[in-house]
Protein backbone atom coordinates (compact mmCIF):
# COMPACT_ATOMS: atom_id res chain seq x y z
CA UNK A 1 3.39 -10.16 -1.54
CA UNK A 2 3.80 -6.43 -1.05
CA UNK A 3 5.33 -5.00 2.07
CA UNK A 4 3.82 -1.78 3.30
CA UNK A 5 5.19 0.40 6.09
CA UNK A 6 3.68 3.67 7.26
CA UNK A 7 5.85 5.75 9.57
CA UNK A 8 5.31 9.14 11.18
CA UNK A 9 8.49 11.20 11.45
CA UNK A 10 9.44 13.72 14.13
CA UNK A 11 8.43 16.67 11.93
CA UNK A 12 4.86 15.31 11.48
CA UNK A 13 5.38 14.00 7.95
CA UNK A 14 4.23 10.57 6.92
CA UNK A 15 6.62 8.26 5.10
CA UNK A 16 5.32 5.38 3.00
CA UNK A 17 7.79 2.65 2.23
CA UNK A 18 7.03 -0.37 0.14
CA UNK A 19 7.65 -2.23 -3.07
CA UNK A 20 6.02 -0.09 -5.75
CA UNK A 21 3.34 1.37 -3.51
CA UNK A 22 3.87 4.92 -4.76
CA UNK A 23 3.95 3.83 -8.40
CA UNK A 24 0.79 1.77 -8.00
CA UNK A 25 -0.98 4.70 -6.32
CA UNK A 26 0.12 7.12 -9.07
CA UNK A 27 -0.94 4.68 -11.78
CA UNK A 28 -4.40 4.15 -10.26
CA UNK A 29 -4.81 7.89 -9.64
CA UNK A 30 -3.89 8.64 -13.27
CA UNK A 31 -6.32 6.02 -14.57
CA UNK A 32 -9.18 7.30 -12.38
CA UNK A 33 -8.47 10.92 -13.30
CA UNK A 34 -8.42 10.05 -17.01
CA UNK A 35 -11.69 8.13 -16.74
CA UNK A 36 -13.32 11.04 -14.92
CA UNK A 37 -12.09 13.49 -17.56
CA UNK A 38 -13.44 11.32 -20.39
CA UNK A 39 -16.79 10.88 -18.66
CA UNK A 40 -17.03 14.63 -18.20
CA UNK A 41 -16.06 15.30 -21.81
CA UNK A 42 -18.61 12.81 -23.17
CA UNK A 43 -21.23 13.23 -20.41
CA UNK A 44 -24.15 13.94 -22.75
CA UNK A 45 -23.22 11.06 -25.02
CA UNK A 46 -23.03 8.73 -22.01
CA UNK A 47 -26.40 9.93 -20.69
CA UNK A 48 -27.99 9.43 -24.12
CA UNK A 49 -26.48 5.94 -24.32
CA UNK A 50 -27.86 5.03 -20.90
CA UNK A 51 -31.30 6.53 -21.55
CA UNK A 52 -31.56 4.72 -24.89
CA UNK A 53 -32.15 1.52 -22.90
CA UNK A 54 -35.86 1.49 -22.10
CA UNK A 55 -35.53 -0.22 -18.72
CA UNK A 56 -32.96 2.32 -17.52
CA UNK A 57 -35.01 5.22 -18.91
CA UNK A 58 -38.11 4.02 -17.02
CA UNK A 59 -36.03 3.58 -13.89
CA UNK A 60 -34.59 7.11 -14.19
CA UNK A 61 -38.04 8.64 -14.69
CA UNK A 62 -39.56 6.76 -11.77
CA UNK A 63 -36.70 7.75 -9.46
CA UNK A 64 -36.85 11.39 -10.53
CA UNK A 65 -40.62 11.51 -10.03
CA UNK A 66 -40.15 10.42 -6.42
CA UNK A 67 -38.24 13.66 -5.75
CA UNK A 68 -40.79 16.29 -4.69
CA UNK A 69 -38.70 19.30 -5.71
CA UNK A 70 -38.03 17.93 -9.17
CA UNK A 71 -41.68 16.98 -9.65
CA UNK A 72 -42.91 20.43 -8.54
CA UNK A 73 -40.67 22.15 -11.09
CA UNK A 74 -41.29 19.78 -13.99
CA UNK A 75 -45.00 18.96 -13.98
CA UNK A 76 -46.47 22.51 -14.11
CA UNK A 77 -44.32 23.31 -17.12
CA UNK A 78 -45.36 20.17 -18.96
CA UNK A 79 -49.10 20.63 -18.75
CA UNK A 80 -49.75 24.37 -18.51
CA UNK A 81 -48.15 25.64 -21.73
CA UNK A 82 -49.51 24.92 -25.20
CA UNK A 83 -47.15 23.51 -27.76
CA UNK A 84 -46.30 25.64 -30.77
CA UNK A 85 -46.83 22.65 -33.06
CA UNK A 86 -50.45 22.10 -32.08
CA UNK A 87 -52.98 24.40 -33.71
CA UNK A 88 -55.02 26.55 -31.34
CA UNK A 89 -58.74 27.04 -31.98
């Protein structure tokens, strides 16, 4: 079992004493920071992977359509402009 002791010194600094507490914290911090950096680097790939699953795509669309601000910005642009691929008469 790990022993953990938190002590406040006279000069308002906090001392942490324990068996490997600092190393465990640094290790977890490094792992979390690396995971966040990789997710940021591959964010579009991750979003495409998630949205490739039909259930999650439907869930994302239904949640986004419940947001009034998002819906007000998206819907007028979808239906008011004509597509360049469709022939106009």
